[in-house]
Protein backbone atom coordinates (compact mmCIF):
# COMPACT_ATOMS: atom_id res chain seq x y z
CA MET A 1 -14.67 -21.03 -42.30
CA ARG A 2 -15.96 -18.67 -39.60
CA SER A 3 -14.42 -15.23 -39.13
CA THR A 4 -13.09 -16.18 -35.67
CA ASP A 5 -11.30 -19.16 -37.22
CA TRP A 6 -9.71 -16.88 -39.84
CA ARG A 7 -8.47 -14.56 -37.08
CA ARG A 8 -6.82 -17.47 -35.27
CA VAL A 9 -5.12 -18.68 -38.45
CA VAL A 10 -3.80 -15.20 -39.22
CA ALA A 11 -2.62 -14.63 -35.62
CA SER A 12 -0.91 -18.02 -35.46
CA GLY A 13 0.78 -17.42 -38.80
CA ALA A 14 2.11 -14.07 -37.65
CA LEU A 15 3.46 -15.58 -34.42
CA PHE A 16 5.23 -18.42 -36.15
CA ALA A 17 6.73 -15.96 -38.65
CA LEU A 18 8.02 -13.88 -35.73
CA ALA A 19 9.30 -16.98 -33.96
CA ALA A 20 11.26 -17.92 -37.09
CA CYS A 21 13.09 -14.58 -36.80
CA GLU A 22 13.61 -14.44 -33.01
CA GLY A 23 13.70 -18.15 -32.13
CA PRO A 24 11.12 -20.90 -31.60
CA LEU A 25 8.38 -20.57 -29.00
CA ALA A 26 9.64 -22.13 -25.78
CA ARG A 27 7.30 -21.44 -22.88
CA LEU A 28 4.24 -19.67 -21.51
CA VAL A 29 4.45 -18.00 -18.11
CA ALA A 30 1.52 -16.78 -16.01
CA GLY A 31 1.59 -15.01 -12.65
CA ILE A 32 3.82 -16.50 -9.94
CA ALA A 33 4.49 -20.23 -10.31
CA ASP A 34 1.65 -20.42 -12.87
CA THR A 35 -0.82 -19.07 -10.31
CA VAL A 36 -2.85 -15.89 -10.83
CA VAL A 37 -4.62 -14.14 -7.94
CA VAL A 38 -7.69 -12.21 -9.09
CA ASN A 39 -9.14 -9.66 -6.63
CA ASN A 40 -11.28 -7.90 -9.24
CA GLU A 41 -15.07 -8.08 -9.21
CA SER A 42 -15.20 -6.82 -12.80
CA PRO A 43 -13.77 -8.77 -15.78
CA MET A 44 -9.97 -8.86 -15.91
CA GLN A 45 -7.46 -9.91 -18.58
CA MET A 46 -5.32 -12.79 -17.35
CA PRO A 47 -1.59 -11.98 -17.54
CA MET A 48 0.34 -14.34 -19.81
CA HIS A 49 3.85 -13.99 -21.26
CA VAL A 50 5.50 -15.80 -24.18
CA PHE A 51 9.26 -16.44 -24.32
CA ASP A 52 11.61 -18.07 -26.79
CA ALA A 53 14.40 -20.48 -25.87
CA ALA A 54 16.82 -17.59 -25.21
CA GLY A 55 14.39 -15.95 -22.77
CA HIS A 56 13.35 -13.14 -25.11
CA ALA A 57 9.76 -11.94 -24.68
CA LEU A 58 7.48 -12.45 -27.68
CA PRO A 59 4.05 -10.90 -28.38
CA ASP A 60 1.23 -12.67 -26.54
CA THR A 61 -1.19 -12.33 -29.46
CA GLY A 62 -3.10 -15.49 -30.35
CA ILE A 63 -3.08 -17.27 -26.97
CA HIS A 64 -6.25 -19.31 -26.49
CA PHE A 65 -7.75 -19.82 -23.01
CA GLN A 66 -10.24 -22.39 -21.78
CA TRP A 67 -11.70 -23.20 -18.37
CA THR A 68 -11.03 -26.84 -17.46
CA SER A 69 -11.88 -27.46 -13.79
CA GLY A 70 -12.56 -26.00 -10.35
CA VAL A 71 -15.02 -23.26 -9.45
CA ALA A 72 -17.13 -22.33 -12.47
CA VAL A 73 -16.16 -18.80 -13.56
CA PRO A 74 -16.58 -17.29 -17.03
CA VAL A 75 -13.34 -17.28 -19.06
CA SER A 76 -13.29 -15.99 -22.64
CA ASP A 77 -11.07 -17.58 -25.30
CA ARG A 78 -8.89 -14.44 -25.12
CA GLY A 79 -8.33 -14.86 -21.37
CA VAL A 80 -10.77 -12.39 -19.84
CA VAL A 81 -11.94 -13.87 -16.53
CA LYS A 82 -14.76 -12.69 -14.28
CA CYS A 83 -14.62 -13.96 -10.71
CA THR A 84 -18.29 -14.23 -9.80
CA GLN A 85 -17.46 -16.18 -6.63
CA ALA A 86 -14.51 -17.07 -4.44
CA GLY A 87 -12.62 -20.28 -5.18
CA ASP A 88 -9.91 -21.83 -7.32
CA ALA A 89 -10.24 -22.67 -11.01
CA THR A 90 -7.87 -24.20 -13.55
CA VAL A 91 -7.55 -22.60 -16.98
CA ARG A 92 -5.61 -24.01 -19.94
CA ALA A 93 -3.67 -21.59 -22.12
CA SER A 94 -2.43 -22.73 -25.52
CA LEU A 95 -0.40 -21.21 -28.34
CA GLY A 96 0.63 -23.46 -31.20
CA PRO A 97 2.50 -26.43 -29.68
CA LEU A 98 2.66 -24.81 -26.22
CA THR A 99 0.12 -25.45 -23.46
CA LYS A 100 0.04 -24.29 -19.86
CA SER A 101 -2.35 -25.04 -17.00
CA VAL A 102 -2.88 -21.97 -14.81
CA VAL A 103 -4.45 -21.90 -11.35
CA VAL A 104 -6.76 -18.91 -10.99
CA ARG A 105 -7.42 -17.98 -7.36
CA CYS A 106 -10.62 -15.97 -7.43
CA ARG A 107 -10.68 -13.74 -4.35
CA PRO A 108 -12.93 -10.79 -5.29
CA VAL A 109 -12.49 -7.73 -3.05
CA HIS A 110 -15.52 -5.52 -2.54
CA ASP A 111 -13.96 -2.85 -0.31
CA LEU A 112 -10.69 -1.74 1.29
CA LEU A 113 -10.87 -0.67 4.94
CA GLY A 114 -8.08 1.75 5.79
CA GLY A 115 -6.53 5.02 4.71
CA GLY A 116 -6.86 8.49 6.22
CA PRO A 117 -4.46 11.07 7.70
CA VAL A 118 -1.02 10.06 8.98
CA ASN A 119 1.40 12.31 10.86
CA LEU A 120 5.10 11.46 10.87
CA VAL A 121 8.09 13.17 12.44
CA MET A 122 11.55 13.06 10.92
CA GLY A 123 13.48 10.28 12.65
CA ASP A 124 10.40 8.16 13.38
CA PRO A 125 10.68 4.41 12.78
CA PRO A 126 8.83 3.00 9.73
CA TYR A 127 5.05 3.40 10.01
CA ASP A 128 2.81 0.38 9.33
CA LEU A 129 -0.06 1.07 6.93
CA LEU A 130 -2.96 -0.85 8.43
CA PHE A 131 -5.75 -1.96 6.11
CA ASP A 132 -8.08 -4.86 5.44
CA ALA A 133 -9.68 -6.14 2.25
CA VAL A 134 -13.20 -7.56 2.56
CA ASP A 135 -15.72 -9.24 0.28
CA SER A 136 -19.34 -8.19 -0.24
CA ALA A 137 -20.30 -9.89 3.05
CA GLY A 138 -17.58 -8.04 5.01
CA ARG A 139 -15.35 -11.10 5.39
CA PRO A 140 -11.55 -10.69 5.13
CA VAL A 141 -10.04 -11.67 1.77
CA ARG A 142 -6.67 -13.38 1.29
CA PRO A 143 -4.43 -13.64 -0.68
CA LEU A 144 -4.15 -10.20 -2.24
CA ASN A 145 -2.55 -8.90 -5.41
CA ALA A 146 -1.86 -5.34 -4.25
CA LEU A 147 0.04 -2.31 -5.52
CA LEU A 148 1.28 0.52 -3.27
CA SER A 149 2.30 3.86 -4.77
CA VAL A 150 3.66 7.12 -3.28
CA ASP A 151 2.93 10.47 -4.93
CA ASP A 152 6.21 12.08 -3.84
CA SER A 153 9.03 9.69 -2.92
CA THR A 154 11.24 12.59 -1.82
CA ILE A 155 8.94 13.02 1.22
CA VAL A 156 8.03 9.39 1.96
CA THR A 157 9.35 6.03 0.77
CA HIS A 158 7.72 2.65 1.24
CA GLU A 159 9.21 -0.65 2.33
CA GLY A 160 6.56 -3.31 1.78
CA TRP A 161 3.52 -2.12 3.74
CA ARG A 162 5.54 0.40 5.75
CA ILE A 163 6.36 4.02 4.97
CA ARG A 164 9.33 6.03 6.18
CA ALA A 165 9.68 9.82 6.40
CA ARG A 166 12.44 11.33 4.26
CA ALA A 167 11.74 15.07 4.26
CA PRO A 168 9.15 17.50 5.68
CA GLY A 169 6.09 17.97 3.49
CA THR A 170 2.76 16.47 2.49
CA THR A 171 2.11 13.62 0.07
CA GLY A 172 -0.36 10.86 -0.69
CA VAL A 173 0.04 7.09 -0.51
CA ASP A 174 -2.39 4.93 -2.53
CA LEU A 175 -3.12 1.22 -2.22
CA TYR A 176 -4.80 -0.61 -5.10
CA VAL A 177 -6.37 -4.06 -4.78
CA GLY A 178 -8.54 -5.34 -7.62
CA ASP A 179 -11.12 -2.67 -8.51
CA THR A 180 -10.78 -0.86 -5.17
CA TRP A 181 -8.29 1.56 -3.66
CA THR A 182 -7.69 3.61 -0.54
CA ARG A 183 -5.49 6.61 0.25
CA TRP A 184 -3.42 7.91 3.16
CA TRP A 185 -2.68 11.65 3.45
CA VAL A 186 0.79 11.78 4.96
CA HIS A 187 2.22 14.86 6.71
CA VAL A 188 5.91 14.82 7.67
CA TYR A 189 7.17 17.33 10.25
CA GLU A 190 10.51 18.40 11.67
CA PRO A 191 10.71 17.84 15.46
CA ALA A 192 10.67 20.98 17.65
CA ARG A 193 13.58 21.14 20.09
CA THR A 194 12.08 23.80 22.40
CA PHE A 195 8.78 25.60 22.97
CA ASP A 196 10.32 29.07 23.02
CA ARG A 197 8.72 30.12 19.73
CA PHE A 198 5.16 29.22 20.76
CA ALA A 199 2.84 32.01 21.87
CA SER A 200 1.01 31.78 25.17
CA GLY A 201 -2.25 29.87 24.84
CA SER A 202 -1.43 28.30 21.46
CA THR A 203 -2.30 24.64 20.98
CA TRP A 204 -0.07 22.20 19.10
CA PRO A 205 -0.33 18.42 18.64
CA CYS A 206 2.65 16.62 20.15
CA ARG A 207 4.11 13.17 20.83
CA CYS A 208 6.38 11.79 23.51
CA ALA A 209 9.92 10.88 22.54
CA SER A 210 13.36 10.90 24.10
CA PRO A 211 15.79 12.29 25.29
CA PRO A 212 14.78 15.21 27.59
CA VAL A 213 14.79 18.78 26.31
CA SER A 214 14.71 22.24 27.92
CA SER A 215 14.24 25.76 26.63
CA ALA A 216 17.04 27.52 24.77
CA ALA A 217 17.79 29.64 27.82
CA GLY A 218 17.91 26.56 30.04
CA LYS A 219 15.46 28.17 32.52
CA SER A 220 12.37 26.14 31.61
CA ARG A 221 11.54 22.48 31.47
CA LEU A 222 8.66 20.46 30.09
CA ARG A 223 5.97 19.29 32.44
CA VAL A 224 3.07 17.00 31.61
CA LYS A 225 -0.33 16.09 32.97
CA SER A 226 0.69 12.47 33.54
CA SER A 227 3.77 10.37 33.06
CA ALA A 228 1.87 7.88 30.85
CA CYS A 229 1.58 9.02 27.22
CA LYS A 230 -1.96 7.99 26.41
CA SER A 231 -4.27 10.85 25.44
CA CYS A 232 -4.21 13.18 22.43
CA PRO A 233 -1.97 16.12 23.39
CA ALA A 234 -1.85 19.89 23.31
CA ALA A 235 1.29 21.90 24.07
CA THR A 236 0.39 25.12 25.88
CA ARG A 237 1.84 27.49 28.46
CA SER A 238 -0.93 26.73 30.94
CA GLY A 239 0.09 24.79 34.05
CA TYR A 240 -0.23 21.07 34.67
CA ARG A 241 1.14 19.14 37.62
CA GLY A 242 3.84 16.51 37.28
CA TRP A 243 7.23 16.69 35.66
CA LEU A 244 8.53 14.50 32.82
CA SER A 245 12.30 14.78 32.59
CA SER A 246 12.87 11.53 30.63
CA ALA A 247 11.04 12.54 27.44
CA ARG A 248 10.93 15.34 24.94
CA ILE A 249 7.74 16.55 23.27
CA VAL A 250 7.72 16.44 19.48
CA CYS A 251 5.45 19.15 18.07
CA LEU A 252 3.77 18.37 14.77
CA GLY A 253 2.66 21.88 13.77
CA PRO A 254 -0.52 23.97 13.76
CA ARG A 255 -2.35 21.82 11.18
CA GLY A 256 -1.30 18.44 12.51
CA THR A 257 -3.51 15.96 14.30
CA CYS A 258 -2.54 13.43 16.89
CA PRO A 259 -3.22 9.76 16.19
CA GLY A 260 -4.15 8.41 19.62
CA SER A 261 -2.68 4.99 18.83
CA ARG A 262 0.82 6.45 18.50
CA GLY A 263 1.06 7.35 22.20
CA ALA A 264 0.88 10.99 23.25
CA THR A 265 0.28 13.23 26.25
CA ARG A 266 -1.05 16.65 27.19
CA ALA A 267 2.08 18.72 27.67
CA SER A 268 2.86 22.26 28.76
CA ARG A 269 5.88 24.47 29.10
CA GLY A 270 6.30 25.96 32.54
CA ARG A 271 8.93 27.54 34.71
CA ALA A 272 11.50 25.35 36.32
CA ARG A 273 11.19 24.82 40.00
CA SER A 274 13.64 26.67 42.15
């Protein structure tokens, strides 16, 4: 008998001994609805779980895998699959009397497009994290098996593919798909209610919001270059024509940057008209 055959006999014996203590083997479960999405380009262990009749998890040692149909991809007898091309394959998993056919959706991802700096202000609505996964030819890849993680959840929390500001500070948000990942550097700021504390000539990134705001003394109002919030802003004490009484300017701080897609304007603080 070959050494590999001995290993299978020993593993099967151990599993059946364990099943005698915890209950008979009842089912094999893989992925979602027996479908596994693989976005890795490198070899990956297929996830497979063993349960007894009471729903208790058992060790997955000794499961045997075999490719049966679909796109030809290498699958080892221990369930390591390498998606060399995109397509669907069917793999049979077996353990003692149990068998399970698993659909493997090979969707290898070569690169993640996205990430970078994000500026949020306390009170902002949830921010959509925009990204795209592409193959080696630059074509979009779907479906995805992705994981999103936040370094400091006291500053930012995530709801699906959106993040929401919780407290001022800086943190990182990472997205993992297959072998690739991308990162957003998130800065959360408190909104400034007035411009009284800013020195003359200082430049600060800002965004339009509502309602209107004036200086603490009530003698100054905000005026803007144009009523349409389109260009990346700078809050200064230099003069621009045109008044904007229906919006306040949210200052992000001296190190912030203005994402043009969020809608902003060049703003200044000037004296109120008499």
